Protein backbone atom coordinates (compact mmCIF):
# COMPACT_ATOMS: atom_id res chain seq x y z
CA MET A 1 31.81 87.77 2.86
CA GLN A 2 34.83 89.87 1.87
CA ILE A 3 34.76 88.52 -1.69
CA PHE A 4 31.11 89.61 -2.05
CA PHE A 5 32.01 93.04 -0.66
CA ASP A 6 34.86 93.37 -3.17
CA PHE A 7 32.66 92.28 -6.09
CA PHE A 8 29.63 94.29 -4.96
CA PRO A 9 30.11 97.15 -7.51
CA ILE A 10 30.74 94.70 -10.38
CA ILE A 11 27.68 92.61 -9.53
CA LEU A 12 25.44 95.67 -9.30
CA PHE A 13 26.94 97.06 -12.52
CA PHE A 14 26.07 93.77 -14.23
CA ILE A 15 22.48 93.69 -12.91
CA SER A 16 21.93 97.37 -13.70
CA PHE A 17 23.23 96.92 -17.22
CA LYS A 18 20.90 93.98 -17.84
CA LEU A 19 17.90 95.92 -16.50
CA PHE A 20 18.55 99.52 -17.51
CA GLY A 21 21.52 99.80 -19.91
CA ILE A 22 25.10 100.99 -19.82
CA TYR A 23 24.57 104.56 -18.63
CA ILE A 24 22.51 103.67 -15.56
CA ALA A 25 24.95 100.81 -14.88
CA THR A 26 27.83 103.29 -15.02
CA ILE A 27 26.13 105.57 -12.50
CA VAL A 28 25.48 102.53 -10.29
CA ALA A 29 29.18 101.58 -10.55
CA ILE A 30 30.23 105.05 -9.44
CA VAL A 31 27.76 105.17 -6.53
CA THR A 32 28.52 101.63 -5.32
CA SER A 33 32.27 102.25 -5.50
CA LEU A 34 31.78 105.37 -3.37
CA LEU A 35 29.65 103.36 -0.93
CA GLN A 36 32.15 100.50 -0.85
CA THR A 37 35.03 102.84 -0.06
CA GLY A 38 33.01 104.73 2.56
CA ILE A 39 31.72 101.60 4.29
CA TYR A 40 35.21 100.11 4.42
CA ARG A 41 36.61 103.35 5.85
CA PHE A 42 33.86 103.53 8.48
CA LYS A 43 34.25 99.88 9.48
CA HIS A 44 38.08 99.61 9.48
CA LYS A 45 39.10 103.25 10.17
CA ARG A 46 41.34 103.18 7.10
CA PHE A 47 41.08 103.08 3.33
CA GLU A 48 41.77 100.00 1.23
CA PHE A 49 44.30 100.79 -1.53
CA MET A 50 42.44 98.74 -4.13
CA HIS A 51 39.14 100.45 -3.37
CA LEU A 52 40.72 103.90 -3.74
CA ILE A 53 42.36 103.06 -7.08
CA THR A 54 39.13 101.54 -8.39
CA LEU A 55 37.10 104.50 -7.14
CA ALA A 56 39.38 107.04 -8.80
CA ILE A 57 39.31 105.22 -12.13
CA VAL A 58 35.56 104.55 -12.11
CA VAL A 59 34.75 108.16 -11.20
CA LEU A 60 37.08 109.50 -13.90
CA LEU A 61 36.13 107.13 -16.73
CA GLY A 62 32.54 106.58 -15.61
CA GLY A 63 32.11 110.33 -15.34
CA ALA A 64 33.50 110.76 -18.85
CA THR A 65 31.09 108.09 -20.10
CA ILE A 66 28.12 109.93 -18.61
CA LEU A 67 29.21 113.47 -19.53
CA LEU A 68 30.33 112.67 -23.08
CA HIS A 69 27.71 109.95 -23.63
CA ASP A 70 30.44 107.63 -24.94
CA ILE A 71 30.63 104.09 -23.55
CA ILE A 72 34.24 103.53 -24.59
CA PHE A 73 35.46 105.24 -21.40
CA ILE A 74 33.75 102.78 -19.04
CA LYS A 75 34.88 99.89 -21.25
CA TRP A 76 38.50 101.02 -20.82
CA LYS A 77 38.11 101.16 -17.01
CA PRO A 78 39.12 97.52 -16.36
CA THR A 79 42.19 97.85 -18.58
CA ILE A 80 43.33 101.05 -16.86
CA LEU A 81 42.78 99.37 -13.48
CA TYR A 82 44.64 96.19 -14.48
CA TRP A 83 47.54 98.10 -15.99
CA THR A 84 47.75 100.34 -12.91
CA LEU A 85 47.97 97.22 -10.74
CA ALA A 86 50.59 95.75 -13.08
CA LEU A 87 52.65 98.92 -12.68
CA VAL A 88 52.31 98.78 -8.90
CA PHE A 89 53.51 95.15 -8.85
CA LEU A 90 56.35 96.08 -11.21
CA GLY A 91 57.28 99.11 -9.10
CA THR A 92 57.51 97.08 -5.90
CA HIS A 93 59.69 94.61 -7.72
CA PHE A 94 62.38 97.27 -8.05
CA LEU A 95 61.60 99.62 -5.17
CA GLY A 96 61.65 98.65 -1.54
CA GLU A 97 62.74 95.55 0.25
CA LYS A 98 59.51 93.57 -0.04
CA LYS A 99 57.43 92.86 -3.11
CA LEU A 100 53.73 93.77 -3.03
CA ILE A 101 52.58 90.15 -3.00
CA GLN A 102 54.88 89.49 -0.06
CA ARG A 103 53.45 92.43 1.90
CA MET A 104 49.94 91.14 1.21
CA MET A 105 50.59 87.51 2.16
CA GLU A 106 53.62 87.24 4.44
CA SER A 107 51.49 87.11 7.59
CA LYS A 108 50.04 83.83 6.30
CA LEU A 109 53.02 82.33 4.44
CA VAL A 110 56.76 82.09 4.75
CA LEU A 111 58.35 81.71 1.34
CA PRO A 112 61.87 82.11 -0.05
CA LYS A 113 62.67 85.50 -1.56
CA ALA A 114 62.98 84.01 -5.05
CA VAL A 115 59.44 82.63 -4.78
CA TRP A 116 58.07 86.02 -3.70
CA ASN A 117 59.86 87.55 -6.70
CA LYS A 118 58.30 85.04 -9.12
CA LEU A 119 54.84 85.47 -7.61
CA ASN A 120 55.10 89.24 -7.82
CA LEU A 121 56.21 89.18 -11.46
CA SER A 122 53.53 86.66 -12.36
CA TRP A 123 50.83 88.94 -10.92
CA MET A 124 52.28 91.84 -12.87
CA ILE A 125 52.15 89.82 -16.10
CA PHE A 126 48.66 88.52 -15.29
CA PHE A 127 47.24 92.03 -14.85
CA PHE A 128 48.99 93.30 -17.97
CA VAL A 129 47.59 90.44 -20.07
CA LEU A 130 44.14 90.80 -18.49
CA GLY A 131 44.14 94.43 -19.62
CA ILE A 132 44.94 93.36 -23.17
CA VAL A 133 42.22 90.69 -23.09
CA ASN A 134 39.71 93.31 -21.91
CA LEU A 135 40.58 95.53 -24.87
CA TYR A 136 40.26 92.59 -27.24
CA VAL A 137 36.74 91.94 -25.95
CA VAL A 138 35.88 95.68 -26.04
CA TYR A 139 36.82 96.05 -29.71
CA ASN A 140 35.71 92.67 -31.04
CA PHE A 141 32.44 91.91 -29.24
CA THR A 142 29.17 93.59 -28.33
CA THR A 143 28.73 95.64 -25.18
CA ASN A 144 26.56 92.84 -23.78
CA ALA A 145 29.37 90.32 -24.35
CA TRP A 146 31.85 92.71 -22.73
CA VAL A 147 29.65 93.11 -19.63
CA ASN A 148 29.33 89.32 -19.36
CA PHE A 149 33.11 88.96 -19.77
CA LYS A 150 33.72 91.70 -17.19
CA LEU A 151 31.88 89.70 -14.54
CA PHE A 152 32.25 86.05 -15.50
CA GLY A 153 35.36 86.03 -17.69
CA THR A 154 37.61 88.04 -15.41
CA LEU A 155 36.29 86.24 -12.34
CA GLY A 156 37.01 82.87 -13.97
CA LEU A 157 40.46 83.89 -15.19
CA THR A 158 41.37 85.33 -11.80
CA THR A 159 40.12 82.25 -9.97
CA GLY A 160 42.12 80.00 -12.28
CA PHE A 161 45.21 82.13 -11.83
CA VAL A 162 44.85 82.05 -8.03
CA LEU A 163 44.54 78.26 -8.13
CA ILE A 164 47.73 77.99 -10.20
CA GLN A 165 49.48 80.33 -7.76
CA SER A 166 48.26 78.21 -4.83
CA LEU A 167 49.61 75.03 -6.39
CA TYR A 168 52.94 76.74 -7.01
CA MET A 169 53.15 78.03 -3.42
CA ALA A 170 52.03 74.71 -1.90
CA LYS A 171 55.35 73.02 -2.58
CA TYR A 172 57.10 75.66 -0.46
CA VAL A 173 54.74 75.55 2.51
CA LYS A 174 56.08 73.41 5.32
CA ASP A 175 53.83 71.17 7.38
CA GLN A 176 53.18 72.84 10.76
CA ASN A 177 52.87 69.48 12.59
């Protein structure tokens, strides 16, 4: 259920684009991101960092798309988001005792510090590369292809990356029995 909630704005952006075009889809992305953040806040009595970052970027770049009637701004949104996340992962690699990936997963896993370091850096590299791939699609394919990539391509790449990460972590997880 959480995965659907997290992908809710992307799914509605995709459907809206297919039915009504990029500008309506951009408005839908802004509204659904606002709703997502508000619903999460109401339900959990706190904000989710990822929702806030996404909301800020989609309002800024989506707003520019609507106001300036230029779709390049919304097309850059994933790259700005991915590179922001890459910078956050990089920042926690050098600042603080625990890496971001460790803070997110340590309640479920106990791993050596060197493994947390590698996982953190790999996520940083993944998001940086994903941002570059988004720009490649933006500038070399149609808007329709970009929208398809935004939903299916990034979802597939992220799922594959998570599977690789899981296989890597599995050798460090000790049997509880």
